[in-house]
Amino acid sequence: MGLHVSDADVAAFEKCLYLWQRMLDVSGVKLPKRRLPAAVEDEIRESMTNCSKCGSKAACTTWLATAEDETSPPKFCLNREIFVRLKAA
């Protein structure tokens, strides 16, 4: 029995990944292109999981459309604290 992934699943994943990356960019989080400590990698994975489970994607999309660079994520963002920590790291 093989894994079946629908076009809708792929589209939902791509939208989530786009929102996650935009939120990192707007928040001023710069992830280095090198191996990170395990704890930091765990937080990055946790933030991606949070985004995939988030029920505020419409609000996120709207917020990101007008957000200025170097702005902390909105209070509804499940990753707000993680992104603040990643930016400080």
N, C-alpha and C. Protein backbone atom coordinates (compact mmCIF):
# COMPACT_ATOMS: atom_id res chain seq x y z
N MET A 1 0.85 -1.18 0.00
CA MET A 1 0.00 0.00 0.00
C MET A 1 0.89 1.23 0.00
N GLY A 2 0.76 2.05 -1.00
CA GLY A 2 1.59 3.23 -1.14
C GLY A 2 0.96 4.46 -0.49
N LEU A 3 1.76 5.43 -0.32
CA LEU A 3 1.30 6.71 0.22
C LEU A 3 0.68 7.52 -0.90
N HIS A 4 -0.52 8.00 -0.66
CA HIS A 4 -1.19 8.84 -1.65
C HIS A 4 -1.29 10.25 -1.10
N VAL A 5 -0.77 11.19 -1.85
CA VAL A 5 -0.84 12.60 -1.47
C VAL A 5 -1.61 13.31 -2.57
N SER A 6 -2.71 13.94 -2.19
CA SER A 6 -3.53 14.63 -3.18
C SER A 6 -2.94 15.99 -3.54
N ASP A 7 -3.40 16.52 -4.64
CA ASP A 7 -2.99 17.87 -5.04
C ASP A 7 -3.39 18.88 -3.97
N ALA A 8 -4.54 18.67 -3.33
CA ALA A 8 -4.99 19.57 -2.27
C ALA A 8 -4.05 19.52 -1.07
N ASP A 9 -3.54 18.32 -0.74
CA ASP A 9 -2.59 18.19 0.36
C ASP A 9 -1.30 18.94 0.05
N VAL A 10 -0.83 18.79 -1.17
CA VAL A 10 0.40 19.47 -1.59
C VAL A 10 0.20 20.98 -1.56
N ALA A 11 -0.93 21.44 -2.06
CA ALA A 11 -1.22 22.88 -2.07
C ALA A 11 -1.29 23.43 -0.65
N ALA A 12 -1.92 22.69 0.26
CA ALA A 12 -2.02 23.13 1.66
C ALA A 12 -0.64 23.19 2.30
N PHE A 13 0.20 22.20 2.02
CA PHE A 13 1.57 22.20 2.55
C PHE A 13 2.36 23.38 2.00
N GLU A 14 2.25 23.63 0.71
CA GLU A 14 2.98 24.74 0.09
C GLU A 14 2.54 26.08 0.66
N LYS A 15 1.24 26.24 0.91
CA LYS A 15 0.74 27.49 1.50
C LYS A 15 1.28 27.66 2.91
N CYS A 16 1.27 26.58 3.68
CA CYS A 16 1.79 26.63 5.04
C CYS A 16 3.28 27.00 5.03
N LEU A 17 4.03 26.36 4.16
CA LEU A 17 5.47 26.63 4.08
C LEU A 17 5.71 28.08 3.67
N TYR A 18 4.92 28.58 2.74
CA TYR A 18 5.04 29.98 2.32
C TYR A 18 4.77 30.92 3.50
N LEU A 19 3.68 30.70 4.23
CA LEU A 19 3.34 31.56 5.37
C LEU A 19 4.43 31.49 6.44
N TRP A 20 4.93 30.29 6.69
CA TRP A 20 5.98 30.10 7.70
C TRP A 20 7.23 30.90 7.31
N GLN A 21 7.64 30.79 6.03
CA GLN A 21 8.83 31.51 5.56
C GLN A 21 8.62 33.01 5.59
N ARG A 22 7.45 33.48 5.16
CA ARG A 22 7.15 34.92 5.20
C ARG A 22 7.18 35.44 6.63
N MET A 23 6.63 34.67 7.57
CA MET A 23 6.62 35.11 8.96
C MET A 23 8.05 35.20 9.49
N LEU A 24 8.89 34.24 9.12
CA LEU A 24 10.30 34.32 9.50
C LEU A 24 10.92 35.59 8.93
N ASP A 25 10.70 35.84 7.64
CA ASP A 25 11.29 37.00 6.98
C ASP A 25 10.82 38.31 7.61
N VAL A 26 9.51 38.45 7.78
CA VAL A 26 8.97 39.68 8.35
C VAL A 26 9.45 39.88 9.78
N SER A 27 9.59 38.77 10.51
CA SER A 27 10.03 38.84 11.90
C SER A 27 11.53 39.12 12.03
N GLY A 28 12.24 39.05 10.92
CA GLY A 28 13.67 39.32 10.96
C GLY A 28 14.51 38.13 11.39
N VAL A 29 13.94 36.94 11.31
CA VAL A 29 14.68 35.73 11.68
C VAL A 29 15.50 35.30 10.47
N LYS A 30 16.80 35.20 10.67
CA LYS A 30 17.72 34.78 9.61
C LYS A 30 18.30 33.42 10.01
N LEU A 31 17.87 32.38 9.34
CA LEU A 31 18.39 31.05 9.64
C LEU A 31 19.68 30.83 8.85
N PRO A 32 20.75 30.48 9.54
CA PRO A 32 22.02 30.27 8.83
C PRO A 32 21.95 29.02 7.95
N LYS A 33 22.79 28.96 6.96
CA LYS A 33 22.84 27.82 6.05
C LYS A 33 23.88 26.81 6.50
N ARG A 34 23.95 26.62 7.78
CA ARG A 34 24.88 25.64 8.34
C ARG A 34 24.12 24.79 9.35
N ARG A 35 24.76 23.76 9.80
CA ARG A 35 24.16 22.89 10.81
C ARG A 35 23.96 23.69 12.09
N LEU A 36 22.79 23.55 12.69
CA LEU A 36 22.45 24.27 13.91
C LEU A 36 22.45 23.32 15.09
N PRO A 37 22.58 23.85 16.30
CA PRO A 37 22.47 22.98 17.47
C PRO A 37 21.12 22.25 17.46
N ALA A 38 21.11 21.05 18.00
CA ALA A 38 19.91 20.21 17.99
C ALA A 38 18.70 20.92 18.59
N ALA A 39 18.89 21.68 19.64
CA ALA A 39 17.77 22.37 20.29
C ALA A 39 17.15 23.40 19.35
N VAL A 40 17.97 24.08 18.56
CA VAL A 40 17.47 25.07 17.61
C VAL A 40 16.74 24.36 16.47
N GLU A 41 17.30 23.28 15.97
CA GLU A 41 16.63 22.51 14.92
C GLU A 41 15.29 22.00 15.40
N ASP A 42 15.23 21.57 16.67
CA ASP A 42 13.96 21.10 17.25
C ASP A 42 12.93 22.22 17.27
N GLU A 43 13.36 23.44 17.61
CA GLU A 43 12.43 24.57 17.62
C GLU A 43 11.93 24.91 16.22
N ILE A 44 12.80 24.81 15.25
CA ILE A 44 12.40 25.07 13.87
C ILE A 44 11.36 24.03 13.43
N ARG A 45 11.61 22.75 13.73
CA ARG A 45 10.64 21.71 13.40
C ARG A 45 9.31 21.94 14.12
N GLU A 46 9.38 22.30 15.40
CA GLU A 46 8.18 22.59 16.17
C GLU A 46 7.39 23.73 15.54
N SER A 47 8.10 24.77 15.09
CA SER A 47 7.41 25.91 14.48
C SER A 47 6.72 25.51 13.18
N MET A 48 7.33 24.63 12.41
CA MET A 48 6.70 24.17 11.17
C MET A 48 5.45 23.33 11.48
N THR A 49 5.53 22.50 12.50
CA THR A 49 4.38 21.70 12.91
C THR A 49 3.26 22.61 13.41
N ASN A 50 3.64 23.61 14.22
CA ASN A 50 2.64 24.57 14.71
C ASN A 50 1.91 25.23 13.55
N CYS A 51 2.66 25.64 12.56
CA CYS A 51 2.07 26.32 11.40
C CYS A 51 1.10 25.39 10.67
N SER A 52 1.48 24.15 10.52
CA SER A 52 0.61 23.22 9.78
C SER A 52 -0.69 22.96 10.53
N LYS A 53 -0.69 23.09 11.84
CA LYS A 53 -1.89 22.85 12.65
C LYS A 53 -2.68 24.13 12.93
N CYS A 54 -2.16 25.26 12.56
CA CYS A 54 -2.75 26.55 12.90
C CYS A 54 -4.10 26.75 12.22
N GLY A 55 -5.04 27.28 12.97
CA GLY A 55 -6.35 27.59 12.42
C GLY A 55 -6.48 29.04 12.00
N SER A 56 -5.39 29.78 12.02
CA SER A 56 -5.43 31.22 11.72
C SER A 56 -4.74 31.57 10.41
N LYS A 57 -4.75 30.66 9.45
CA LYS A 57 -4.03 30.93 8.19
C LYS A 57 -4.58 32.14 7.45
N ALA A 58 -5.89 32.34 7.48
CA ALA A 58 -6.47 33.51 6.81
C ALA A 58 -6.01 34.79 7.50
N ALA A 59 -6.04 34.80 8.84
CA ALA A 59 -5.58 35.98 9.58
C ALA A 59 -4.09 36.20 9.35
N CYS A 60 -3.34 35.13 9.28
CA CYS A 60 -1.90 35.21 9.03
C CYS A 60 -1.64 35.84 7.66
N THR A 61 -2.35 35.36 6.66
CA THR A 61 -2.19 35.89 5.30
C THR A 61 -2.49 37.39 5.27
N THR A 62 -3.57 37.78 5.92
CA THR A 62 -3.96 39.20 5.97
C THR A 62 -2.91 40.02 6.70
N TRP A 63 -2.45 39.51 7.84
CA TRP A 63 -1.44 40.24 8.63
C TRP A 63 -0.15 40.40 7.83
N LEU A 64 0.29 39.33 7.20
CA LEU A 64 1.54 39.39 6.44
C LEU A 64 1.47 40.34 5.26
N ALA A 65 0.29 40.54 4.71
CA ALA A 65 0.12 41.42 3.55
C ALA A 65 0.46 42.87 3.88
N THR A 66 0.35 43.26 5.14
CA THR A 66 0.60 44.65 5.51
C THR A 66 1.71 44.82 6.55
N ALA A 67 2.28 43.72 6.99
CA ALA A 67 3.30 43.79 8.04
C ALA A 67 4.59 44.42 7.51
N GLU A 68 5.21 45.19 8.35
CA GLU A 68 6.50 45.78 8.01
C GLU A 68 7.62 44.85 8.46
N ASP A 69 8.77 44.95 7.81
CA ASP A 69 9.92 44.13 8.20
C ASP A 69 10.33 44.42 9.64
N GLU A 70 10.93 43.40 10.24
CA GLU A 70 11.42 43.47 11.62
C GLU A 70 10.29 43.67 12.63
N THR A 71 9.11 43.15 12.32
CA THR A 71 7.97 43.23 13.21
C THR A 71 7.80 41.90 13.91
N SER A 72 7.55 41.92 15.21
CA SER A 72 7.29 40.68 15.94
C SER A 72 6.01 40.05 15.41
N PRO A 73 5.95 38.72 15.40
CA PRO A 73 4.74 38.05 14.95
C PRO A 73 3.53 38.50 15.79
N PRO A 74 2.35 38.42 15.20
CA PRO A 74 1.15 38.82 15.93
C PRO A 74 0.85 37.87 17.09
N LYS A 75 0.06 38.33 18.01
CA LYS A 75 -0.26 37.53 19.20
C LYS A 75 -0.95 36.22 18.87
N PHE A 76 -1.68 36.16 17.76
CA PHE A 76 -2.37 34.91 17.41
C PHE A 76 -1.43 33.85 16.85
N CYS A 77 -0.21 34.24 16.52
CA CYS A 77 0.75 33.31 15.91
C CYS A 77 1.24 32.29 16.94
N LEU A 78 1.04 31.01 16.63
CA LEU A 78 1.48 29.94 17.53
C LEU A 78 3.00 29.91 17.67
N ASN A 79 3.70 30.53 16.74
CA ASN A 79 5.16 30.53 16.75
C ASN A 79 5.78 31.81 17.27
N ARG A 80 4.98 32.69 17.78
CA ARG A 80 5.48 34.00 18.23
C ARG A 80 6.71 33.86 19.14
N GLU A 81 6.60 33.09 20.19
CA GLU A 81 7.72 32.96 21.15
C GLU A 81 8.92 32.26 20.51
N ILE A 82 8.67 31.26 19.70
CA ILE A 82 9.77 30.56 19.03
C ILE A 82 10.51 31.51 18.11
N PHE A 83 9.79 32.30 17.32
CA PHE A 83 10.44 33.22 16.39
C PHE A 83 11.22 34.30 17.14
N VAL A 84 10.71 34.75 18.24
CA VAL A 84 11.44 35.74 19.06
C VAL A 84 12.74 35.12 19.55
N ARG A 85 12.69 33.88 20.02
CA ARG A 85 13.91 33.21 20.48
C ARG A 85 14.90 32.97 19.32
N LEU A 86 14.38 32.54 18.16
CA LEU A 86 15.26 32.30 17.02
C LEU A 86 15.93 33.58 16.55
N LYS A 87 15.20 34.69 16.60
CA LYS A 87 15.78 35.96 16.18
C LYS A 87 16.90 36.37 17.14
N ALA A 88 16.73 36.10 18.40
CA ALA A 88 17.72 36.48 19.41
C ALA A 88 18.96 35.58 19.38
N ALA A 89 18.82 34.40 18.79
CA ALA A 89 19.92 33.43 18.79
C ALA A 89 21.03 33.83 17.84
